[in-house]
Amino acid sequence: MNGVGKGAVVGGVFLLMVGGAGYGVYSLIGAETGGAGGTEGKAAAVGSGPPTAAEVERTAKGFLAAWAAGDERAAADLTNDAGSAQPAVAEFRTKAHVTKAVITPGAPAGATVPFKVEAEIGYEGGTRPLVYESKLTVVRGATTGKALVDWQPSVLHPQLQKGEKLRTGTPEAPPVTLVDRNGKELSADAYPSLRPVLDQLRKAYGAKAGGSPGTALWIEPALADAPERILLTLAEGRPGRIQTRLDAVVQAAAEKAVAKYPESSAVAVQPSTGDILAVANNRRDGFNAAMQGARAPGSTMKIVTAEMLLDKGLVAADRVAPCNATATWDGRTFGNLKGFKLDGATFATSFAKSCNTAFIGQIDDVGDNGALPREAREVFGIGRDDWKTGVPSRDGTVPESSGPAAAAAYIGQGEVQMNPLNIASITATAKTGVFRQPVIVPASLDGRALATAERRMKPEVRRQLVAMMRQTATSGTAAGAMAGVGGDKGAKTGSAEVDDAASPDSWFTGYSGDVAAAAMVEGGGHGGDTAGPLVATILRAR
């Protein structure tokens, strides 16, 4: 080869040493070999401190050669977790059905060695190529002192996480096309926030969608209720079809809105039906906080508290409700933002300006710590723990409490826990006077029973509550955010203090026409400043 490269077959592994660099291509054809052979499968001598460049090269080369050769024992012995590495490397052939593999290392960056895998998947007489890039890191063994590959599932494939496995065969669920209420296809590429929701819908309803499975390479999740993630389709199945209650136009607006604010979540629902029109999140952890979160909702909770007080006849929208600078209950003093007070203000104005003390001041007259949780449950469907939206969700809690916590609940603090789905539903109930459990797929798809509230809102109470929310949107704390929203509209702002947080969570909810939306931005500050524009963007979409 005239000094350019040299080839040798060592124990069934083809090594191509390019330019004498010591890194090259390790290739397995078939799985008949018994080991990496030579010195390639042996760990470095015992040492101390970070691995040297020579140890990194030797260990990485030995591991990759053994892996390519199908020698799981030799590969595992070159890692710091042989018990996990050995079955994983073995299943690369036996469960993922990799019949050929060419592994090409790149230039090391310190103790990290990148590499490219060019593999072939063989299953039921067919083959498909699989090409990807990954990396490994060489560390000093804590007990052996040897240079070893730091074993992580991502060494085998970069998308593998702890406890996950590569599998080839017939997936548990057939392929499913999900569409919105108007038949427009919904994909995770077009609507990134929907990725976990779409995966959950496929897992839950794929068998009912009428499709037939093909064959594929997928990632088997570590958790039993998590969906499989398809990496490569070998033979196409016939997709089933699931029509959701989502609206692609509203969803696109929600995606655009949350993209502006880190750690934000939003939901839109249709008050007349309870249909969930959009779900969006922009979070580092990928958690669907829009539907499963649990945080204090701040003054957006005053919608429920105001309805209770109106229902009991303790207040009226046009009657004066004292809005002092402070109010004290059971030894704790509550105040308003920047200590403001409103002399002679009506209850509607106190609601619109988000006066905390006007609400705290009513707790003596209510005289029942169970009244607010009961109203939330019986009128708004909150705290029942029986919502069945079609995907995992949390339906909010307003626990019965005593002392200062009971007063804090009136303004959405203390032990009250909500997410944007709950608050959007509360707004929808306020708009129509009737709780309709939110759904992302119709109940007819699987015959599930939907939650119902025990009673409707009294018509006169609804009329006053809607008028108060309208005033908030036009001349109250929500006026700035809602200025560009047309039609019949209403809103409520909220800011929720969180322990050890530099800024309060920002909450906002509003409606326009037959759309109600709510949003939360962790650490976003005042509700009208961050969550407000987010909700307004969604409401303008329809």
Protein backbone atom coordinates (compact mmCIF):
# COMPACT_ATOMS: atom_id res chain seq x y z
CA MET A 1 0.00 0.00 0.00
CA ASN A 2 3.14 2.16 -0.43
CA GLY A 3 3.05 3.64 3.06
CA VAL A 4 -0.41 5.17 2.66
CA GLY A 5 -2.15 2.49 4.70
CA LYS A 6 -1.96 -1.12 5.69
CA GLY A 7 -4.63 -3.71 6.24
CA ALA A 8 -4.77 -6.78 8.42
CA VAL A 9 -7.41 -9.23 9.58
CA VAL A 10 -7.13 -9.76 13.31
CA GLY A 11 -9.68 -12.09 14.90
CA GLY A 12 -12.29 -11.33 12.26
CA VAL A 13 -11.85 -7.55 12.47
CA PHE A 14 -10.64 -5.65 9.43
CA LEU A 15 -8.36 -2.84 10.53
CA LEU A 16 -7.38 -0.15 8.08
CA MET A 17 -4.59 1.96 9.55
CA VAL A 18 -4.52 5.17 7.53
CA GLY A 19 -1.19 6.96 7.27
CA GLY A 20 0.05 5.20 10.39
CA ALA A 21 -2.13 7.53 12.51
CA GLY A 22 -3.30 4.82 14.85
CA TYR A 23 -6.99 5.52 14.18
CA GLY A 24 -8.85 4.01 11.28
CA VAL A 25 -11.85 1.92 10.33
CA TYR A 26 -13.04 -1.08 12.30
CA SER A 27 -15.44 -3.25 10.37
CA LEU A 28 -17.44 -6.36 11.21
CA ILE A 29 -18.93 -8.46 8.44
CA GLY A 30 -21.17 -11.03 10.07
CA ALA A 31 -20.88 -12.10 13.71
CA GLU A 32 -18.68 -15.16 13.67
CA THR A 33 -15.65 -13.66 15.36
CA GLY A 34 -14.64 -14.50 18.87
CA GLY A 35 -12.74 -11.39 19.86
CA ALA A 36 -10.93 -8.30 18.83
CA GLY A 37 -7.66 -10.16 18.90
CA GLY A 38 -4.12 -8.93 19.39
CA THR A 39 -3.72 -6.14 21.93
CA GLU A 40 -6.68 -4.13 20.69
CA GLY A 41 -9.08 -5.57 23.29
CA LYS A 42 -6.79 -4.96 26.26
CA ALA A 43 -7.09 -2.01 28.62
CA ALA A 44 -4.18 0.27 29.37
CA ALA A 45 -1.90 -0.40 32.29
CA VAL A 46 -2.80 0.90 35.74
CA GLY A 47 -2.11 4.61 36.11
CA SER A 48 -3.29 7.70 37.92
CA GLY A 49 -4.65 11.08 37.01
CA PRO A 50 -6.49 11.85 33.76
CA PRO A 51 -5.87 9.37 30.92
CA THR A 52 -2.97 10.25 28.66
CA ALA A 53 -3.42 10.79 24.93
CA ALA A 54 -1.87 7.36 24.31
CA GLU A 55 -4.31 5.74 26.76
CA VAL A 56 -7.28 7.49 25.16
CA GLU A 57 -6.19 6.28 21.73
CA ARG A 58 -5.49 2.72 22.85
CA THR A 59 -8.70 2.33 24.89
CA ALA A 60 -11.00 3.88 22.29
CA LYS A 61 -9.42 1.83 19.51
CA GLY A 62 -9.75 -1.39 21.51
CA PHE A 63 -13.38 -0.72 22.44
CA LEU A 64 -14.47 0.22 18.91
CA ALA A 65 -12.66 -2.76 17.41
CA ALA A 66 -14.33 -5.16 19.86
CA TRP A 67 -17.75 -3.57 19.27
CA ALA A 68 -17.37 -3.77 15.49
CA ALA A 69 -16.25 -7.38 15.85
CA GLY A 70 -19.37 -8.28 17.79
CA ASP A 71 -17.27 -9.21 20.84
CA GLU A 72 -19.45 -7.79 23.59
CA ARG A 73 -17.30 -9.22 26.39
CA ALA A 74 -14.11 -7.62 25.16
CA ALA A 75 -15.90 -4.31 24.54
CA ALA A 76 -17.54 -4.35 27.97
CA ASP A 77 -14.25 -5.08 29.73
CA LEU A 78 -12.92 -1.83 28.31
CA THR A 79 -15.67 0.21 30.02
CA ASN A 80 -16.28 1.31 33.59
CA ASP A 81 -19.66 -0.48 33.67
CA ALA A 82 -19.21 -3.89 32.09
CA GLY A 83 -22.49 -5.19 33.53
CA SER A 84 -24.49 -2.65 31.54
CA ALA A 85 -22.25 -2.44 28.49
CA GLN A 86 -22.07 -6.17 27.68
CA PRO A 87 -25.79 -6.82 27.07
CA ALA A 88 -26.16 -3.48 25.26
CA VAL A 89 -23.35 -4.26 22.82
CA ALA A 90 -24.67 -7.81 22.33
CA GLU A 91 -28.19 -6.57 21.60
CA PHE A 92 -26.81 -4.23 18.96
CA ARG A 93 -26.61 -7.42 16.86
CA THR A 94 -29.25 -9.67 18.37
CA LYS A 95 -32.07 -7.20 19.09
CA ALA A 96 -31.35 -4.24 16.82
CA HIS A 97 -30.45 -6.73 14.05
CA VAL A 98 -27.32 -4.90 12.89
CA THR A 99 -25.72 -7.28 10.40
CA LYS A 100 -22.84 -5.07 9.28
CA ALA A 101 -21.07 -2.16 10.94
CA VAL A 102 -18.25 0.14 9.94
CA ILE A 103 -17.09 2.39 12.75
CA THR A 104 -14.80 5.28 11.85
CA PRO A 105 -13.18 7.27 14.68
CA GLY A 106 -12.49 10.96 14.33
CA ALA A 107 -9.78 13.08 15.89
CA PRO A 108 -9.83 12.98 19.71
CA ALA A 109 -10.65 16.14 21.63
CA GLY A 110 -8.92 15.54 24.92
CA ALA A 111 -10.43 12.38 26.38
CA THR A 112 -13.42 12.40 24.01
CA VAL A 113 -13.33 10.49 20.74
CA PRO A 114 -16.04 11.09 18.11
CA PHE A 115 -16.87 8.35 15.64
CA LYS A 116 -19.16 7.59 12.74
CA VAL A 117 -21.19 4.40 12.47
CA GLU A 118 -22.22 3.10 9.04
CA ALA A 119 -24.38 0.08 9.73
CA GLU A 120 -26.82 -2.18 7.93
CA ILE A 121 -30.04 -3.40 9.52
CA GLY A 122 -31.22 -6.81 8.31
CA TYR A 123 -34.72 -8.02 9.17
CA GLU A 124 -37.13 -10.46 7.51
CA GLY A 125 -35.09 -10.64 4.33
CA GLY A 126 -34.72 -6.89 3.84
CA THR A 127 -31.87 -4.52 4.62
CA ARG A 128 -31.63 -0.78 5.24
CA PRO A 129 -28.58 1.42 5.91
CA LEU A 130 -28.23 3.26 9.21
CA VAL A 131 -25.67 6.05 9.50
CA TYR A 132 -25.08 8.24 12.55
CA GLU A 133 -22.39 9.91 14.63
CA SER A 134 -21.66 9.48 18.32
CA LYS A 135 -18.79 9.82 20.75
CA LEU A 136 -17.16 8.19 23.75
CA THR A 137 -15.09 9.52 26.62
CA VAL A 138 -12.18 7.73 28.25
CA VAL A 139 -11.84 8.06 32.03
CA ARG A 140 -9.63 6.63 34.74
CA GLY A 141 -11.31 3.65 36.42
CA ALA A 142 -12.17 4.54 40.02
CA THR A 143 -11.11 1.16 41.42
CA THR A 144 -8.86 -0.32 38.73
CA GLY A 145 -6.81 2.74 37.82
CA LYS A 146 -7.11 1.67 34.17
CA ALA A 147 -8.15 3.88 31.26
CA LEU A 148 -11.72 2.85 30.43
CA VAL A 149 -14.60 4.03 28.28
CA ASP A 150 -17.12 5.91 30.41
CA TRP A 151 -20.15 3.77 29.63
CA GLN A 152 -23.32 5.58 28.64
CA PRO A 153 -26.12 4.20 26.41
CA SER A 154 -25.47 7.17 24.09
CA VAL A 155 -22.16 5.57 23.12
CA LEU A 156 -24.17 3.04 21.06
CA HIS A 157 -26.51 5.68 19.66
CA PRO A 158 -26.65 9.40 20.56
CA GLN A 159 -30.42 9.33 21.18
CA LEU A 160 -30.25 6.51 23.72
CA GLN A 161 -30.85 7.60 27.31
CA LYS A 162 -30.47 5.67 30.56
CA GLY A 163 -32.47 2.44 30.54
CA GLU A 164 -33.38 2.69 26.85
CA LYS A 165 -32.63 0.04 24.21
CA LEU A 166 -32.40 -0.34 20.44
CA ARG A 167 -34.92 -2.73 18.92
CA THR A 168 -35.80 -3.83 15.41
CA GLY A 169 -39.07 -5.56 14.56
CA THR A 170 -42.75 -4.74 14.49
CA PRO A 171 -43.50 -1.75 16.74
CA GLU A 172 -46.16 -2.14 19.39
CA ALA A 173 -48.37 0.45 17.73
CA PRO A 174 -48.95 0.90 13.98
CA PRO A 175 -48.04 4.20 12.33
CA VAL A 176 -50.58 6.92 13.00
CA THR A 177 -51.29 10.20 11.24
CA LEU A 178 -52.70 12.78 13.60
CA VAL A 179 -54.79 15.63 12.23
CA ASP A 180 -56.45 18.69 13.67
CA ARG A 181 -60.18 19.38 13.88
CA ASN A 182 -60.17 20.44 10.21
CA GLY A 183 -58.12 17.50 8.89
CA LYS A 184 -54.75 19.25 8.69
CA GLU A 185 -51.86 16.94 9.57
CA LEU A 186 -50.08 17.65 12.84
CA SER A 187 -46.39 16.78 13.00
CA ALA A 188 -43.72 17.38 15.61
CA ASP A 189 -41.56 19.05 12.97
CA ALA A 190 -44.22 21.66 12.23
CA TYR A 191 -45.40 21.97 15.84
CA PRO A 192 -42.48 21.11 18.16
CA SER A 193 -44.45 21.63 21.37
CA LEU A 194 -46.81 18.84 20.37
CA ARG A 195 -44.10 16.16 20.19
CA PRO A 196 -44.82 14.56 23.60
CA VAL A 197 -48.57 14.97 23.13
CA LEU A 198 -48.54 13.35 19.68
CA ASP A 199 -46.38 10.50 20.99
CA GLN A 200 -48.84 9.94 23.85
CA LEU A 201 -51.80 9.96 21.48
CA ARG A 202 -50.14 7.42 19.19
CA LYS A 203 -49.42 5.12 22.11
CA ALA A 204 -52.89 5.46 23.63
CA TYR A 205 -55.00 5.31 20.47
CA GLY A 206 -52.80 3.82 17.74
CA ALA A 207 -54.55 0.45 17.96
CA LYS A 208 -57.91 2.18 17.45
CA ALA A 209 -56.77 4.22 14.47
CA GLY A 210 -57.22 1.50 11.87
CA GLY A 211 -53.63 1.23 10.66
CA SER A 212 -51.36 -1.78 10.23
CA PRO A 213 -47.78 -1.90 11.54
CA GLY A 214 -44.70 -2.17 9.36
CA THR A 215 -41.17 -2.93 10.58
CA ALA A 216 -38.73 -0.45 12.05
CA LEU A 217 -35.73 0.25 14.25
CA TRP A 218 -36.86 2.08 17.35
CA ILE A 219 -35.76 3.15 20.81
CA GLU A 220 -37.48 1.12 23.51
CA PRO A 221 -38.24 3.56 26.36
CA ALA A 222 -37.18 2.94 29.93
CA LEU A 223 -40.64 3.79 31.27
CA ALA A 224 -43.54 1.48 30.49
CA ASP A 225 -45.96 4.31 29.64
CA ALA A 226 -43.52 6.19 27.38
CA PRO A 227 -43.89 5.84 23.59
CA GLU A 228 -41.43 4.09 21.29
CA ARG A 229 -39.30 6.46 19.20
CA ILE A 230 -38.86 5.33 15.60
CA LEU A 231 -35.32 5.81 14.25
CA LEU A 232 -35.59 4.02 10.92
CA THR A 233 -38.53 2.58 8.99
CA LEU A 234 -37.65 -0.69 7.27
CA ALA A 235 -41.03 -1.52 5.75
CA GLU A 236 -43.89 0.95 5.68
CA GLY A 237 -47.08 0.07 7.46
CA ARG A 238 -50.49 1.52 6.64
CA PRO A 239 -50.99 4.58 8.84
CA GLY A 240 -54.11 4.93 10.91
CA ARG A 241 -55.73 8.31 11.40
CA ILE A 242 -56.69 10.11 14.59
CA GLN A 243 -58.59 13.37 14.45
CA THR A 244 -57.86 15.58 17.44
CA ARG A 245 -59.77 18.63 18.68
CA LEU A 246 -56.68 20.80 18.17
CA ASP A 247 -56.72 23.70 15.72
CA ALA A 248 -53.57 23.98 13.59
CA VAL A 249 -53.97 27.76 13.19
CA VAL A 250 -54.28 28.35 16.94
CA GLN A 251 -51.49 25.85 17.62
CA ALA A 252 -49.16 27.68 15.25
CA ALA A 253 -49.90 30.94 17.06
CA ALA A 254 -49.23 29.30 20.43
CA GLU A 255 -45.92 27.88 19.19
CA LYS A 256 -44.89 31.33 17.98
CA ALA A 257 -45.94 32.94 21.25
CA VAL A 258 -44.07 30.63 23.65
CA ALA A 259 -40.93 30.81 21.51
CA LYS A 260 -40.46 34.39 22.76
CA TYR A 261 -40.38 33.45 26.45
CA PRO A 262 -38.18 30.72 27.99
CA GLU A 263 -39.90 28.47 30.53
CA SER A 264 -43.34 29.38 29.20
CA SER A 265 -46.47 27.28 28.67
CA ALA A 266 -49.87 27.99 27.16
CA VAL A 267 -53.21 26.33 26.42
CA ALA A 268 -56.24 27.42 24.42
CA VAL A 269 -59.70 25.87 24.76
CA GLN A 270 -63.08 26.41 23.12
CA PRO A 271 -65.56 27.50 25.82
CA SER A 272 -68.63 26.22 23.97
CA THR A 273 -67.29 22.65 23.73
CA GLY A 274 -64.29 22.22 26.06
CA ASP A 275 -62.15 21.26 23.06
CA ILE A 276 -58.43 21.90 23.56
CA LEU A 277 -57.36 24.02 20.58
CA ALA A 278 -53.65 24.38 21.35
CA VAL A 279 -50.96 23.19 23.78
CA ALA A 280 -47.53 24.80 23.72
CA ASN A 281 -44.41 24.75 25.89
CA ASN A 282 -40.96 26.28 25.65
CA ARG A 283 -38.99 24.57 28.43
CA ARG A 284 -35.48 23.22 28.84
CA ASP A 285 -36.76 20.03 30.48
CA GLY A 286 -39.33 19.19 27.78
CA PHE A 287 -42.05 18.81 30.43
CA ASN A 288 -45.64 19.41 29.34
CA ALA A 289 -46.20 22.00 32.07
CA ALA A 290 -49.14 23.39 30.08
CA MET A 291 -51.21 20.33 31.00
CA GLN A 292 -49.32 18.64 33.83
CA GLY A 293 -47.74 21.50 35.75
CA ALA A 294 -48.65 22.43 39.31
CA ARG A 295 -47.80 25.95 40.46
CA ALA A 296 -49.56 28.74 42.34
CA PRO A 297 -51.64 30.69 39.76
CA GLY A 298 -51.63 34.04 41.54
CA SER A 299 -54.49 36.44 40.90
CA THR A 300 -55.95 34.44 38.01
CA MET A 301 -57.49 32.42 40.87
CA LYS A 302 -59.56 35.51 41.73
CA ILE A 303 -61.95 34.45 38.97
CA VAL A 304 -62.99 31.50 41.17
CA THR A 305 -62.91 33.54 44.38
CA ALA A 306 -64.98 36.35 42.84
CA GLU A 307 -67.58 33.87 41.60
CA MET A 308 -67.87 32.38 45.08
CA LEU A 309 -68.29 35.79 46.72
CA LEU A 310 -70.86 36.84 44.10
CA ASP A 311 -72.69 33.54 44.51
CA LYS A 312 -72.93 34.05 48.28
CA GLY A 313 -74.18 37.62 47.84
CA LEU A 314 -71.29 39.00 49.87
CA VAL A 315 -70.25 41.33 47.05
CA ALA A 316 -71.69 42.75 43.85
CA ALA A 317 -69.85 44.13 40.86
CA ASP A 318 -71.24 47.62 41.43
CA ARG A 319 -70.99 47.71 45.24
CA VAL A 320 -68.05 49.18 47.12
CA ALA A 321 -65.51 46.62 48.34
CA PRO A 322 -62.80 48.16 50.53
CA CYS A 323 -59.37 48.06 48.88
CA ASN A 324 -56.99 49.06 51.64
CA ALA A 325 -53.21 49.01 51.36
CA THR A 326 -53.03 45.97 53.67
CA ALA A 327 -55.29 43.34 55.21
CA THR A 328 -54.46 40.96 58.05
CA TRP A 329 -55.75 37.45 58.60
CA ASP A 330 -54.70 35.11 61.40
CA GLY A 331 -51.52 37.02 62.08
CA ARG A 332 -50.36 37.43 58.48
CA THR A 333 -50.48 40.75 56.67
CA PHE A 334 -51.29 40.77 52.95
CA GLY A 335 -50.70 43.75 50.69
CA ASN A 336 -51.21 44.97 47.15
CA LEU A 337 -48.59 45.48 44.47
CA LYS A 338 -46.44 48.45 45.50
CA GLY A 339 -48.83 49.07 48.40
CA PHE A 340 -51.59 50.71 46.34
CA LYS A 341 -55.11 51.29 47.68
CA LEU A 342 -58.39 52.31 46.04
CA ASP A 343 -60.69 54.61 47.97
CA GLY A 344 -64.38 53.90 47.42
CA ALA A 345 -63.76 51.43 44.62
CA THR A 346 -66.41 48.94 43.52
CA PHE A 347 -65.73 45.23 43.64
CA ALA A 348 -65.49 45.24 39.82
CA THR A 349 -62.77 47.88 39.93
CA SER A 350 -60.91 46.04 42.69
CA PHE A 351 -61.04 42.90 40.51
CA ALA A 352 -59.88 44.82 37.42
CA LYS A 353 -57.00 46.45 39.30
CA SER A 354 -56.14 43.15 41.06
CA CYS A 355 -56.60 44.41 44.62
CA ASN A 356 -55.63 41.57 46.96
CA THR A 357 -57.03 43.14 50.10
CA ALA A 358 -60.54 43.46 48.65
CA PHE A 359 -60.59 39.66 48.52
CA ILE A 360 -58.76 38.90 51.77
CA GLY A 361 -61.14 41.28 53.55
CA GLN A 362 -64.11 39.02 52.73
CA ILE A 363 -62.84 35.88 54.44
CA ASP A 364 -64.46 36.68 57.80
CA ASP A 365 -67.86 37.05 56.15
CA VAL A 366 -67.45 33.74 54.27
CA GLY A 367 -66.75 32.00 57.58
CA ASP A 368 -66.01 28.61 56.01
CA ASN A 369 -62.54 27.48 54.96
CA GLY A 370 -64.12 24.79 52.80
CA ALA A 371 -66.18 27.25 50.74
CA LEU A 372 -63.52 28.06 48.12
CA PRO A 373 -62.43 24.45 47.46
CA ARG A 374 -66.10 23.47 47.23
CA GLU A 375 -66.90 26.25 44.74
CA ALA A 376 -63.86 25.32 42.62
CA ARG A 377 -64.98 21.70 42.56
CA GLU A 378 -68.75 22.10 42.16
CA VAL A 379 -68.84 24.93 39.60
CA PHE A 380 -65.45 24.91 37.84
CA GLY A 381 -64.63 21.17 37.96
CA ILE A 382 -61.28 21.90 39.65
CA GLY A 383 -59.90 19.53 42.29
CA ARG A 384 -62.01 16.53 41.28
CA ASP A 385 -59.01 14.51 40.07
CA ASP A 386 -61.11 12.88 37.36
CA TRP A 387 -60.37 14.77 34.14
CA LYS A 388 -59.80 12.50 31.15
CA THR A 389 -58.47 14.76 28.44
CA GLY A 390 -57.07 11.96 26.26
CA VAL A 391 -53.45 12.42 27.35
CA PRO A 392 -51.86 12.74 30.81
CA SER A 393 -53.02 15.94 32.50
CA ARG A 394 -53.55 17.40 35.95
CA ASP A 395 -56.83 19.04 36.87
CA GLY A 396 -55.69 21.44 39.60
CA THR A 397 -56.02 21.46 43.38
CA VAL A 398 -57.65 23.87 45.80
CA PRO A 399 -57.25 22.04 49.12
CA GLU A 400 -59.13 23.02 52.24
CA SER A 401 -56.68 24.85 54.47
CA SER A 402 -56.65 26.97 57.60
CA GLY A 403 -54.89 30.01 58.97
CA PRO A 404 -52.95 32.27 56.60
CA ALA A 405 -52.97 29.58 53.89
CA ALA A 406 -56.76 29.82 53.69
CA ALA A 407 -56.51 33.55 53.05
CA ALA A 408 -53.65 33.10 50.57
CA ALA A 409 -55.83 30.72 48.54
CA TYR A 410 -58.25 33.58 47.83
CA ILE A 411 -55.53 35.26 45.76
CA GLY A 412 -54.06 32.10 44.20
CA GLN A 413 -51.18 31.58 46.61
CA GLY A 414 -50.67 29.16 49.49
CA GLU A 415 -51.53 25.58 48.63
CA VAL A 416 -53.47 26.25 45.41
CA GLN A 417 -51.84 24.51 42.41
CA MET A 418 -52.78 25.01 38.76
CA ASN A 419 -51.47 24.84 35.21
CA PRO A 420 -52.46 26.81 32.10
CA LEU A 421 -54.99 24.12 31.09
CA ASN A 422 -56.81 24.53 34.42
CA ILE A 423 -56.85 28.33 34.20
CA ALA A 424 -57.99 28.30 30.55
CA SER A 425 -60.82 25.98 31.61
CA ILE A 426 -61.75 28.30 34.51
CA THR A 427 -61.94 31.20 32.06
CA ALA A 428 -64.07 29.14 29.67
CA THR A 429 -66.42 28.27 32.53
CA ALA A 430 -66.66 31.93 33.53
CA LYS A 431 -67.46 32.86 29.92
CA THR A 432 -70.29 30.32 29.49
CA GLY A 433 -71.37 29.58 33.06
CA VAL A 434 -70.94 25.85 32.45
CA PHE A 435 -67.92 23.60 33.10
CA ARG A 436 -67.05 21.49 30.07
CA GLN A 437 -64.13 19.17 30.72
CA PRO A 438 -61.28 19.93 28.29
CA VAL A 439 -60.53 17.20 25.73
CA ILE A 440 -57.81 16.78 23.15
CA VAL A 441 -59.54 13.83 21.45
CA PRO A 442 -63.29 13.17 21.61
CA ALA A 443 -64.61 10.84 24.29
CA SER A 444 -66.26 8.78 21.54
CA LEU A 445 -62.82 7.58 20.45
CA ASP A 446 -62.50 5.31 23.47
CA GLY A 447 -65.78 5.68 25.36
CA ARG A 448 -64.19 7.34 28.38
CA ALA A 449 -66.45 9.19 30.81
CA LEU A 450 -65.76 12.91 31.08
CA ALA A 451 -65.80 14.84 34.33
CA THR A 452 -68.81 17.02 35.09
CA ALA A 453 -69.43 19.76 37.65
CA GLU A 454 -72.31 19.49 40.11
CA ARG A 455 -73.94 22.78 39.24
CA ARG A 456 -74.04 25.59 36.74
CA MET A 457 -73.09 29.12 37.57
CA LYS A 458 -76.07 31.30 38.42
CA PRO A 459 -76.94 33.49 35.40
CA GLU A 460 -76.68 36.75 37.36
CA VAL A 461 -73.33 35.67 38.82
CA ARG A 462 -72.04 34.85 35.34
CA ARG A 463 -73.23 38.19 33.99
CA GLN A 464 -71.34 40.11 36.69
CA LEU A 465 -68.21 37.97 36.42
CA VAL A 466 -68.02 38.40 32.64
CA ALA A 467 -68.51 42.15 33.02
CA MET A 468 -65.66 42.29 35.53
CA MET A 469 -63.34 40.34 33.23
CA ARG A 470 -64.33 42.64 30.36
CA GLN A 471 -63.46 45.68 32.49
CA THR A 472 -60.08 44.11 33.34
CA ALA A 473 -59.35 43.68 29.63
CA THR A 474 -60.35 47.22 28.67
CA SER A 475 -59.31 49.41 31.58
CA GLY A 476 -57.68 47.16 34.20
CA THR A 477 -54.35 45.40 34.58
CA ALA A 478 -54.87 43.43 31.35
CA ALA A 479 -55.68 46.43 29.14
CA GLY A 480 -52.19 46.82 27.69
CA ALA A 481 -51.83 43.19 26.64
CA MET A 482 -55.41 42.94 25.31
CA ALA A 483 -55.39 46.23 23.38
CA GLY A 484 -54.92 44.50 20.05
CA VAL A 485 -57.47 41.76 20.68
CA GLY A 486 -60.80 42.37 19.03
CA GLY A 487 -64.35 41.19 19.65
CA ASP A 488 -66.03 40.53 22.97
CA LYS A 489 -63.12 40.00 25.32
CA GLY A 490 -62.22 39.55 28.96
CA ALA A 491 -59.08 38.80 30.95
CA LYS A 492 -57.35 38.47 34.31
CA THR A 493 -53.71 38.95 35.21
CA GLY A 494 -51.73 37.15 37.87
CA SER A 495 -48.33 37.14 39.55
CA ALA A 496 -47.41 34.29 41.89
CA GLU A 497 -44.60 34.49 44.40
CA VAL A 498 -42.39 31.38 44.46
CA ASP A 499 -40.01 30.53 47.28
CA ASP A 500 -36.38 31.46 46.54
CA ALA A 501 -37.27 32.83 43.07
CA ALA A 502 -35.88 36.20 42.03
CA SER A 503 -39.09 37.12 40.21
CA PRO A 504 -42.69 35.90 40.53
CA ASP A 505 -44.28 33.64 37.95
CA SER A 506 -46.25 35.53 35.33
CA TRP A 507 -49.84 34.34 34.71
CA PHE A 508 -52.49 35.63 32.33
CA THR A 509 -55.79 34.37 31.04
CA GLY A 510 -58.29 35.83 28.62
CA TYR A 511 -61.01 35.11 26.12
CA SER A 512 -62.14 36.51 22.80
CA GLY A 513 -65.13 35.11 20.99
CA ASP A 514 -65.15 31.34 21.41
CA VAL A 515 -61.50 30.98 22.45
CA ALA A 516 -60.17 31.07 26.01
CA ALA A 517 -56.43 30.91 26.64
CA ALA A 518 -54.06 30.93 29.58
CA ALA A 519 -50.30 31.15 29.88
CA MET A 520 -47.62 30.98 32.54
CA VAL A 521 -44.00 32.12 32.35
CA GLU A 522 -41.83 30.94 35.23
CA GLY A 523 -40.06 33.93 36.75
CA GLY A 524 -41.71 36.19 34.18
CA GLY A 525 -42.81 38.90 36.60
CA HIS A 526 -46.10 40.75 36.27
CA GLY A 527 -48.81 38.87 34.39
CA GLY A 528 -49.50 41.63 31.90
CA ASP A 529 -45.86 41.98 30.90
CA THR A 530 -44.94 38.49 29.66
CA ALA A 531 -47.78 35.98 29.88
CA GLY A 532 -50.21 38.67 28.68
CA PRO A 533 -48.70 39.25 25.22
CA LEU A 534 -48.39 35.48 24.85
CA VAL A 535 -52.14 34.98 25.42
CA ALA A 536 -53.00 37.94 23.20
CA THR A 537 -51.05 36.38 20.32
CA ILE A 538 -53.10 33.21 20.65
CA LEU A 539 -56.43 35.04 20.86
CA ARG A 540 -55.68 37.07 17.73
CA ALA A 541 -55.17 33.89 15.71
CA ARG A 542 -58.88 33.14 15.40
